[in-house]
Amino acid sequence: MLPWLLFRTARRAVLGSVETELCDLKSIKESCHNFCTATSKAVTYKELKNLLNSKNIMLIDVRETWEILEYGKIPGSVNIPLNEVSEALQMNPRDFKEKYHEVKPSKSDSLVFSCLAGRRSKKALDTAISLGFHRAQHYAGGWKEWETYEFSENKKGN
């Protein structure tokens, strides 16, 4: 009887720890799946115009400040250079407001990142998603596309 009791106790302990490990692996797999399949949606010029008109997004231009001063910016955008994005999104709200003169976005807010042509905005998007900003998107056309559309629209208006 004693060997059988020891066997059952040992079996229960081993199976219990294996079951726990399997549950942990399943949790890791689901987290990875959710992270890897998160939509990294790129918005079009028209979608961005509509989002800006709705005033339901924060548009973050991740170019360097000198680029914005030299070339211009999309109206309503906030300049947070790419090398500051991670730190900025983790700042406390008071420090964010003081540095960027805007209310810090929450993780549930809609963010759109832009740059010159879409490369840096995609990097910023990846950073934001890794920090839990799952409603973030990026404008792949960037300033180059925006300027082209705006110039042609203004030309048509004249």
N, C-alpha and C. Protein backbone atom coordinates (compact mmCIF):
# COMPACT_ATOMS: atom_id res chain seq x y z
N MET A 1 0.82 -1.19 0.00
CA MET A 1 0.00 0.00 0.00
C MET A 1 0.87 1.26 0.00
N LEU A 2 1.91 1.28 0.82
CA LEU A 2 2.78 2.46 0.91
C LEU A 2 3.45 2.76 -0.42
N PRO A 3 4.02 1.79 -1.17
CA PRO A 3 4.61 2.11 -2.47
C PRO A 3 3.59 2.70 -3.44
N TRP A 4 2.36 2.16 -3.44
CA TRP A 4 1.32 2.67 -4.32
C TRP A 4 0.97 4.12 -3.97
N LEU A 5 0.89 4.46 -2.70
CA LEU A 5 0.59 5.81 -2.24
C LEU A 5 1.71 6.76 -2.65
N LEU A 6 2.96 6.31 -2.50
CA LEU A 6 4.09 7.14 -2.92
C LEU A 6 4.07 7.36 -4.43
N PHE A 7 3.75 6.30 -5.16
CA PHE A 7 3.69 6.40 -6.62
C PHE A 7 2.63 7.42 -7.04
N ARG A 8 1.43 7.34 -6.44
CA ARG A 8 0.34 8.26 -6.79
C ARG A 8 0.71 9.70 -6.44
N THR A 9 1.35 9.90 -5.29
CA THR A 9 1.75 11.24 -4.87
C THR A 9 2.79 11.81 -5.83
N ALA A 10 3.79 10.99 -6.17
CA ALA A 10 4.84 11.43 -7.09
C ALA A 10 4.23 11.72 -8.48
N ARG A 11 3.34 10.84 -8.93
CA ARG A 11 2.70 11.01 -10.23
C ARG A 11 1.91 12.32 -10.27
N ARG A 12 1.15 12.61 -9.22
CA ARG A 12 0.36 13.82 -9.14
C ARG A 12 1.26 15.06 -9.16
N ALA A 13 2.39 15.00 -8.45
CA ALA A 13 3.32 16.13 -8.41
C ALA A 13 3.93 16.38 -9.78
N VAL A 14 4.35 15.30 -10.45
CA VAL A 14 4.96 15.44 -11.78
C VAL A 14 3.93 15.95 -12.78
N LEU A 15 2.75 15.32 -12.82
CA LEU A 15 1.73 15.74 -13.77
C LEU A 15 1.26 17.17 -13.50
N GLY A 16 1.18 17.53 -12.23
CA GLY A 16 0.78 18.90 -11.87
C GLY A 16 1.78 19.92 -12.39
N SER A 17 3.08 19.64 -12.24
CA SER A 17 4.07 20.60 -12.71
C SER A 17 4.14 20.63 -14.24
N VAL A 18 3.92 19.47 -14.88
CA VAL A 18 3.89 19.45 -16.35
C VAL A 18 2.69 20.25 -16.85
N GLU A 19 1.55 20.08 -16.19
CA GLU A 19 0.35 20.81 -16.58
C GLU A 19 0.57 22.31 -16.42
N THR A 20 1.22 22.71 -15.33
CA THR A 20 1.52 24.12 -15.10
C THR A 20 2.44 24.65 -16.20
N GLU A 21 3.46 23.88 -16.55
CA GLU A 21 4.38 24.30 -17.61
C GLU A 21 3.65 24.45 -18.95
N LEU A 22 2.76 23.49 -19.25
CA LEU A 22 2.01 23.57 -20.49
C LEU A 22 1.11 24.80 -20.53
N CYS A 23 0.50 25.12 -19.39
CA CYS A 23 -0.34 26.33 -19.32
C CYS A 23 0.51 27.58 -19.53
N ASP A 24 1.70 27.60 -18.94
CA ASP A 24 2.60 28.74 -19.12
C ASP A 24 3.01 28.88 -20.58
N LEU A 25 3.32 27.75 -21.24
CA LEU A 25 3.69 27.79 -22.66
C LEU A 25 2.54 28.28 -23.51
N LYS A 26 1.32 27.84 -23.18
CA LYS A 26 0.15 28.29 -23.93
C LYS A 26 -0.02 29.80 -23.78
N SER A 27 0.17 30.32 -22.57
CA SER A 27 0.05 31.75 -22.32
C SER A 27 1.09 32.53 -23.12
N ILE A 28 2.33 32.03 -23.13
CA ILE A 28 3.39 32.69 -23.89
C ILE A 28 3.06 32.67 -25.37
N LYS A 29 2.58 31.53 -25.86
CA LYS A 29 2.22 31.40 -27.27
C LYS A 29 1.13 32.40 -27.63
N GLU A 30 0.09 32.53 -26.79
CA GLU A 30 -0.99 33.47 -27.07
C GLU A 30 -0.49 34.90 -27.07
N SER A 31 0.38 35.24 -26.11
CA SER A 31 0.93 36.60 -26.06
C SER A 31 1.73 36.89 -27.31
N CYS A 32 2.56 35.95 -27.72
CA CYS A 32 3.37 36.12 -28.92
C CYS A 32 2.46 36.26 -30.14
N HIS A 33 1.44 35.40 -30.22
CA HIS A 33 0.51 35.46 -31.35
C HIS A 33 -0.16 36.82 -31.40
N ASN A 34 -0.64 37.32 -30.26
CA ASN A 34 -1.30 38.62 -30.22
C ASN A 34 -0.35 39.72 -30.64
N PHE A 35 0.91 39.65 -30.18
CA PHE A 35 1.89 40.67 -30.53
C PHE A 35 2.24 40.59 -32.01
N CYS A 36 2.49 39.37 -32.49
CA CYS A 36 2.94 39.18 -33.86
C CYS A 36 1.85 39.45 -34.88
N THR A 37 0.59 39.30 -34.51
CA THR A 37 -0.49 39.50 -35.46
C THR A 37 -1.18 40.84 -35.27
N ALA A 38 -0.65 41.68 -34.38
CA ALA A 38 -1.24 43.01 -34.21
C ALA A 38 -1.17 43.74 -35.54
N THR A 39 -2.26 44.38 -35.87
CA THR A 39 -2.28 45.04 -37.17
C THR A 39 -1.42 46.29 -37.12
N SER A 40 -0.46 46.33 -38.00
CA SER A 40 0.36 47.53 -38.11
C SER A 40 -0.13 48.28 -39.33
N LYS A 41 -1.32 48.82 -39.19
CA LYS A 41 -2.01 49.45 -40.30
C LYS A 41 -1.35 50.76 -40.70
N ALA A 42 -1.18 50.88 -41.98
CA ALA A 42 -0.71 52.14 -42.54
C ALA A 42 -1.93 52.88 -43.06
N VAL A 43 -2.08 54.13 -42.68
CA VAL A 43 -3.21 54.92 -43.15
C VAL A 43 -2.85 55.63 -44.45
N THR A 44 -3.84 55.87 -45.27
CA THR A 44 -3.66 56.59 -46.52
C THR A 44 -3.80 58.09 -46.27
N TYR A 45 -3.51 58.86 -47.29
CA TYR A 45 -3.67 60.31 -47.21
C TYR A 45 -5.11 60.67 -46.86
N LYS A 46 -6.07 60.08 -47.57
CA LYS A 46 -7.49 60.40 -47.31
C LYS A 46 -7.92 59.98 -45.91
N GLU A 47 -7.47 58.80 -45.47
CA GLU A 47 -7.80 58.36 -44.12
C GLU A 47 -7.23 59.31 -43.08
N LEU A 48 -6.00 59.75 -43.30
CA LEU A 48 -5.38 60.69 -42.36
C LEU A 48 -6.13 62.01 -42.33
N LYS A 49 -6.52 62.51 -43.49
CA LYS A 49 -7.30 63.76 -43.55
C LYS A 49 -8.59 63.61 -42.74
N ASN A 50 -9.28 62.48 -42.91
CA ASN A 50 -10.53 62.25 -42.17
C ASN A 50 -10.27 62.14 -40.68
N LEU A 51 -9.21 61.44 -40.30
CA LEU A 51 -8.88 61.32 -38.88
C LEU A 51 -8.55 62.68 -38.27
N LEU A 52 -7.80 63.48 -38.99
CA LEU A 52 -7.46 64.82 -38.49
C LEU A 52 -8.70 65.69 -38.35
N ASN A 53 -9.61 65.59 -39.32
CA ASN A 53 -10.85 66.36 -39.25
C ASN A 53 -11.73 65.93 -38.09
N SER A 54 -11.67 64.64 -37.75
CA SER A 54 -12.47 64.13 -36.63
C SER A 54 -11.91 64.54 -35.28
N LYS A 55 -10.66 64.94 -35.28
CA LYS A 55 -9.95 65.36 -34.05
C LYS A 55 -9.88 64.24 -33.01
N ASN A 56 -9.93 62.98 -33.49
CA ASN A 56 -9.88 61.83 -32.58
C ASN A 56 -8.53 61.13 -32.58
N ILE A 57 -7.50 61.78 -33.06
CA ILE A 57 -6.17 61.16 -33.07
C ILE A 57 -5.13 62.16 -32.60
N MET A 58 -3.97 61.61 -32.26
CA MET A 58 -2.79 62.44 -32.06
C MET A 58 -1.83 62.04 -33.17
N LEU A 59 -1.47 63.01 -33.99
CA LEU A 59 -0.52 62.79 -35.08
C LEU A 59 0.86 63.18 -34.57
N ILE A 60 1.77 62.22 -34.56
CA ILE A 60 3.13 62.46 -34.05
C ILE A 60 4.11 62.37 -35.21
N ASP A 61 4.78 63.49 -35.48
CA ASP A 61 5.80 63.55 -36.53
C ASP A 61 7.13 63.21 -35.88
N VAL A 62 7.75 62.14 -36.35
CA VAL A 62 8.97 61.65 -35.71
C VAL A 62 10.26 62.12 -36.40
N ARG A 63 10.12 63.10 -37.30
CA ARG A 63 11.33 63.66 -37.93
C ARG A 63 12.07 64.53 -36.93
N GLU A 64 13.31 64.84 -37.26
CA GLU A 64 14.09 65.76 -36.44
C GLU A 64 13.50 67.16 -36.55
N THR A 65 13.65 67.94 -35.50
CA THR A 65 13.08 69.28 -35.47
C THR A 65 13.55 70.13 -36.64
N TRP A 66 14.84 70.03 -37.00
CA TRP A 66 15.35 70.84 -38.11
C TRP A 66 14.64 70.51 -39.42
N GLU A 67 14.22 69.25 -39.60
CA GLU A 67 13.51 68.87 -40.82
C GLU A 67 12.15 69.56 -40.91
N ILE A 68 11.49 69.64 -39.79
CA ILE A 68 10.18 70.30 -39.75
C ILE A 68 10.34 71.79 -40.01
N LEU A 69 11.35 72.39 -39.39
CA LEU A 69 11.59 73.82 -39.60
C LEU A 69 11.95 74.12 -41.05
N GLU A 70 12.69 73.22 -41.67
CA GLU A 70 13.13 73.45 -43.05
C GLU A 70 12.06 73.11 -44.09
N TYR A 71 11.32 72.03 -43.88
CA TYR A 71 10.40 71.55 -44.92
C TYR A 71 8.92 71.78 -44.60
N GLY A 72 8.57 71.91 -43.34
CA GLY A 72 7.17 72.06 -42.96
C GLY A 72 6.63 70.82 -42.28
N LYS A 73 5.37 70.91 -41.87
CA LYS A 73 4.76 69.79 -41.16
C LYS A 73 3.29 69.69 -41.48
N ILE A 74 2.74 68.54 -41.19
CA ILE A 74 1.30 68.34 -41.36
C ILE A 74 0.61 69.11 -40.24
N PRO A 75 -0.33 69.98 -40.59
CA PRO A 75 -1.02 70.76 -39.55
C PRO A 75 -1.61 69.87 -38.46
N GLY A 76 -1.40 70.28 -37.22
CA GLY A 76 -1.93 69.53 -36.08
C GLY A 76 -1.00 68.46 -35.54
N SER A 77 0.15 68.26 -36.21
CA SER A 77 1.06 67.22 -35.72
C SER A 77 1.92 67.73 -34.58
N VAL A 78 2.36 66.80 -33.76
CA VAL A 78 3.25 67.07 -32.64
C VAL A 78 4.60 66.47 -32.99
N ASN A 79 5.67 67.23 -32.81
CA ASN A 79 7.00 66.73 -33.14
C ASN A 79 7.62 66.02 -31.94
N ILE A 80 7.82 64.71 -32.09
CA ILE A 80 8.56 63.90 -31.13
C ILE A 80 9.56 63.10 -31.96
N PRO A 81 10.82 63.54 -32.02
CA PRO A 81 11.80 62.82 -32.84
C PRO A 81 11.86 61.34 -32.49
N LEU A 82 12.14 60.52 -33.49
CA LEU A 82 12.13 59.07 -33.33
C LEU A 82 12.92 58.61 -32.11
N ASN A 83 14.10 59.20 -31.89
CA ASN A 83 14.92 58.74 -30.76
C ASN A 83 14.33 59.12 -29.40
N GLU A 84 13.22 59.87 -29.37
CA GLU A 84 12.56 60.24 -28.12
C GLU A 84 11.23 59.52 -27.91
N VAL A 85 10.75 58.80 -28.93
CA VAL A 85 9.40 58.23 -28.88
C VAL A 85 9.21 57.29 -27.70
N SER A 86 10.12 56.35 -27.50
CA SER A 86 9.97 55.38 -26.41
C SER A 86 9.90 56.09 -25.06
N GLU A 87 10.84 56.97 -24.83
CA GLU A 87 10.86 57.71 -23.56
C GLU A 87 9.61 58.57 -23.40
N ALA A 88 9.21 59.25 -24.47
CA ALA A 88 8.04 60.14 -24.41
C ALA A 88 6.78 59.38 -24.05
N LEU A 89 6.58 58.22 -24.65
CA LEU A 89 5.37 57.45 -24.39
C LEU A 89 5.35 56.83 -23.00
N GLN A 90 6.49 56.87 -22.32
CA GLN A 90 6.56 56.34 -20.96
C GLN A 90 6.66 57.44 -19.91
N MET A 91 6.68 58.69 -20.34
CA MET A 91 6.77 59.82 -19.40
C MET A 91 5.50 59.94 -18.56
N ASN A 92 5.64 60.61 -17.44
CA ASN A 92 4.43 60.93 -16.70
C ASN A 92 3.74 62.09 -17.44
N PRO A 93 2.43 62.20 -17.31
CA PRO A 93 1.67 63.19 -18.08
C PRO A 93 2.16 64.63 -17.91
N ARG A 94 2.56 64.99 -16.71
CA ARG A 94 3.01 66.37 -16.46
C ARG A 94 4.27 66.69 -17.25
N ASP A 95 5.25 65.77 -17.20
CA ASP A 95 6.50 65.99 -17.95
C ASP A 95 6.26 66.00 -19.45
N PHE A 96 5.37 65.14 -19.93
CA PHE A 96 5.04 65.10 -21.36
C PHE A 96 4.45 66.45 -21.79
N LYS A 97 3.49 66.95 -21.02
CA LYS A 97 2.84 68.23 -21.34
C LYS A 97 3.86 69.36 -21.35
N GLU A 98 4.77 69.34 -20.38
CA GLU A 98 5.78 70.38 -20.28
C GLU A 98 6.73 70.35 -21.48
N LYS A 99 7.12 69.17 -21.91
CA LYS A 99 8.10 69.05 -23.00
C LYS A 99 7.48 69.22 -24.38
N TYR A 100 6.29 68.63 -24.60
CA TYR A 100 5.71 68.62 -25.94
C TYR A 100 4.48 69.52 -26.10
N HIS A 101 4.04 70.15 -25.02
CA HIS A 101 2.92 71.11 -25.04
C HIS A 101 1.61 70.47 -25.52
N GLU A 102 1.45 69.21 -25.22
CA GLU A 102 0.24 68.45 -25.55
C GLU A 102 -0.06 67.50 -24.41
N VAL A 103 -1.31 67.07 -24.34
CA VAL A 103 -1.69 66.07 -23.34
C VAL A 103 -1.11 64.72 -23.78
N LYS A 104 -0.51 64.02 -22.84
CA LYS A 104 0.08 62.72 -23.14
C LYS A 104 -1.03 61.74 -23.53
N PRO A 105 -0.80 61.01 -24.63
CA PRO A 105 -1.82 60.03 -25.03
C PRO A 105 -1.85 58.84 -24.07
N SER A 106 -3.04 58.28 -23.91
CA SER A 106 -3.16 57.06 -23.12
C SER A 106 -3.01 55.88 -24.07
N LYS A 107 -2.85 54.70 -23.51
CA LYS A 107 -2.67 53.51 -24.34
C LYS A 107 -3.90 53.18 -25.17
N SER A 108 -5.04 53.73 -24.81
CA SER A 108 -6.27 53.47 -25.58
C SER A 108 -6.53 54.54 -26.63
N ASP A 109 -5.71 55.58 -26.68
CA ASP A 109 -5.90 56.64 -27.67
C ASP A 109 -5.42 56.21 -29.05
N SER A 110 -5.97 56.83 -30.06
CA SER A 110 -5.54 56.59 -31.44
C SER A 110 -4.35 57.48 -31.75
N LEU A 111 -3.26 56.86 -32.16
CA LEU A 111 -2.05 57.58 -32.53
C LEU A 111 -1.75 57.29 -33.99
N VAL A 112 -1.22 58.28 -34.70
CA VAL A 112 -0.70 58.06 -36.04
C VAL A 112 0.68 58.69 -36.06
N PHE A 113 1.65 57.92 -36.51
CA PHE A 113 3.02 58.42 -36.63
C PHE A 113 3.30 58.77 -38.09
N SER A 114 4.05 59.85 -38.29
CA SER A 114 4.45 60.23 -39.64
C SER A 114 5.91 60.66 -39.61
N CYS A 115 6.51 60.65 -40.80
CA CYS A 115 7.89 61.11 -40.96
C CYS A 115 8.02 61.66 -42.38
N LEU A 116 9.16 61.52 -42.98
CA LEU A 116 9.35 62.02 -44.34
C LEU A 116 8.73 61.07 -45.36
N ALA A 117 9.01 59.77 -45.24
CA ALA A 117 8.56 58.83 -46.26
C ALA A 117 8.09 57.48 -45.71
N GLY A 118 7.91 57.34 -44.41
CA GLY A 118 7.32 56.13 -43.86
C GLY A 118 8.23 55.17 -43.12
N ARG A 119 9.53 55.31 -43.25
CA ARG A 119 10.43 54.36 -42.57
C ARG A 119 10.49 54.61 -41.07
N ARG A 120 10.75 55.84 -40.69
CA ARG A 120 10.85 56.15 -39.26
C ARG A 120 9.50 56.03 -38.57
N SER A 121 8.43 56.38 -39.27
CA SER A 121 7.10 56.25 -38.64
C SER A 121 6.77 54.79 -38.37
N LYS A 122 7.22 53.88 -39.21
CA LYS A 122 7.00 52.44 -38.98
C LYS A 122 7.78 51.99 -37.75
N LYS A 123 9.01 52.49 -37.58
CA LYS A 123 9.79 52.16 -36.39
C LYS A 123 9.10 52.69 -35.13
N ALA A 124 8.57 53.92 -35.22
CA ALA A 124 7.86 54.50 -34.08
C ALA A 124 6.60 53.69 -33.77
N LEU A 125 5.91 53.25 -34.81
CA LEU A 125 4.72 52.41 -34.63
C LEU A 125 5.08 51.13 -33.90
N ASP A 126 6.14 50.47 -34.32
CA ASP A 126 6.57 49.23 -33.66
C ASP A 126 6.88 49.48 -32.19
N THR A 127 7.53 50.59 -31.90
CA THR A 127 7.84 50.96 -30.52
C THR A 127 6.57 51.16 -29.72
N ALA A 128 5.64 51.91 -30.27
CA ALA A 128 4.38 52.19 -29.57
C ALA A 128 3.61 50.91 -29.29
N ILE A 129 3.52 50.03 -30.27
CA ILE A 129 2.80 48.77 -30.08
C ILE A 129 3.47 47.94 -28.99
N SER A 130 4.80 47.93 -28.97
CA SER A 130 5.51 47.16 -27.94
C SER A 130 5.27 47.73 -26.54
N LEU A 131 4.90 49.01 -26.47
CA LEU A 131 4.61 49.65 -25.18
C LEU A 131 3.12 49.59 -24.82
N GLY A 132 2.33 48.92 -25.65
CA GLY A 132 0.92 48.74 -25.33
C GLY A 132 -0.03 49.70 -26.01
N PHE A 133 0.44 50.52 -26.93
CA PHE A 133 -0.42 51.45 -27.67
C PHE A 133 -0.96 50.72 -28.90
N HIS A 134 -1.99 49.91 -28.70
CA HIS A 134 -2.47 49.02 -29.75
C HIS A 134 -3.36 49.70 -30.78
N ARG A 135 -3.71 50.96 -30.56
CA ARG A 135 -4.51 51.69 -31.55
C ARG A 135 -3.62 52.62 -32.37
N ALA A 136 -2.34 52.35 -32.36
CA ALA A 136 -1.40 53.17 -33.12
C ALA A 136 -1.36 52.72 -34.58
N GLN A 137 -1.09 53.68 -35.46
CA GLN A 137 -0.97 53.44 -36.89
C GLN A 137 0.15 54.33 -37.41
N HIS A 138 0.46 54.19 -38.70
CA HIS A 138 1.42 55.13 -39.26
C HIS A 138 1.02 55.54 -40.67
N TYR A 139 1.43 56.74 -41.03
CA TYR A 139 1.15 57.28 -42.34
C TYR A 139 2.37 57.00 -43.20
N ALA A 140 2.28 55.92 -44.00
CA ALA A 140 3.42 55.45 -44.77
C ALA A 140 3.87 56.45 -45.84
N GLY A 141 2.96 57.27 -46.33
CA GLY A 141 3.33 58.24 -47.36
C GLY A 141 4.19 59.37 -46.84
N GLY A 142 4.03 59.68 -45.57
CA GLY A 142 4.83 60.71 -44.92
C GLY A 142 4.66 62.11 -45.51
N TRP A 143 5.56 62.98 -45.10
CA TRP A 143 5.51 64.38 -45.53
C TRP A 143 5.58 64.51 -47.04
N LYS A 144 6.38 63.67 -47.68
CA LYS A 144 6.51 63.76 -49.14
C LYS A 144 5.15 63.59 -49.83
N GLU A 145 4.41 62.56 -49.44
CA GLU A 145 3.10 62.33 -50.05
C GLU A 145 2.12 63.42 -49.66
N TRP A 146 2.13 63.81 -48.38
CA TRP A 146 1.22 64.85 -47.89
C TRP A 146 1.41 66.14 -48.70
N GLU A 147 2.64 66.53 -48.84
CA GLU A 147 2.96 67.77 -49.55
C GLU A 147 2.49 67.70 -51.01
N THR A 148 2.69 66.56 -51.64
CA THR A 148 2.26 66.37 -53.04
C THR A 148 0.74 66.51 -53.16
N TYR A 149 -0.01 65.82 -52.31
CA TYR A 149 -1.47 65.91 -52.34
C TYR A 149 -1.96 67.32 -52.01
N GLU A 150 -1.39 67.91 -50.99
CA GLU A 150 -1.82 69.24 -50.58
C GLU A 150 -1.54 70.26 -51.68
N PHE A 151 -0.38 70.16 -52.31
CA PHE A 151 -0.02 71.08 -53.39
C PHE A 151 -1.00 70.93 -54.55
N SER A 152 -1.33 69.67 -54.91
CA SER A 152 -2.25 69.47 -56.04
C SER A 152 -3.67 69.90 -55.69
N GLU A 153 -4.09 69.70 -54.43
CA GLU A 153 -5.43 70.15 -54.01
C GLU A 153 -5.51 71.66 -54.00
N ASN A 154 -4.45 72.32 -53.51
CA ASN A 154 -4.46 73.78 -53.47
C ASN A 154 -4.40 74.36 -54.87
N LYS A 155 -3.69 73.68 -55.76
CA LYS A 155 -3.58 74.13 -57.15
C LYS A 155 -4.95 74.03 -57.84
N LYS A 156 -5.69 72.95 -57.55
CA LYS A 156 -7.03 72.77 -58.13
C LYS A 156 -7.97 73.86 -57.63
N GLY A 157 -7.79 74.24 -56.36
CA GLY A 157 -8.66 75.26 -55.76
C GLY A 157 -8.48 76.64 -56.35
N ASN A 158 -7.35 76.90 -56.97
CA ASN A 158 -7.07 78.24 -57.54
C ASN A 158 -7.53 78.38 -58.95
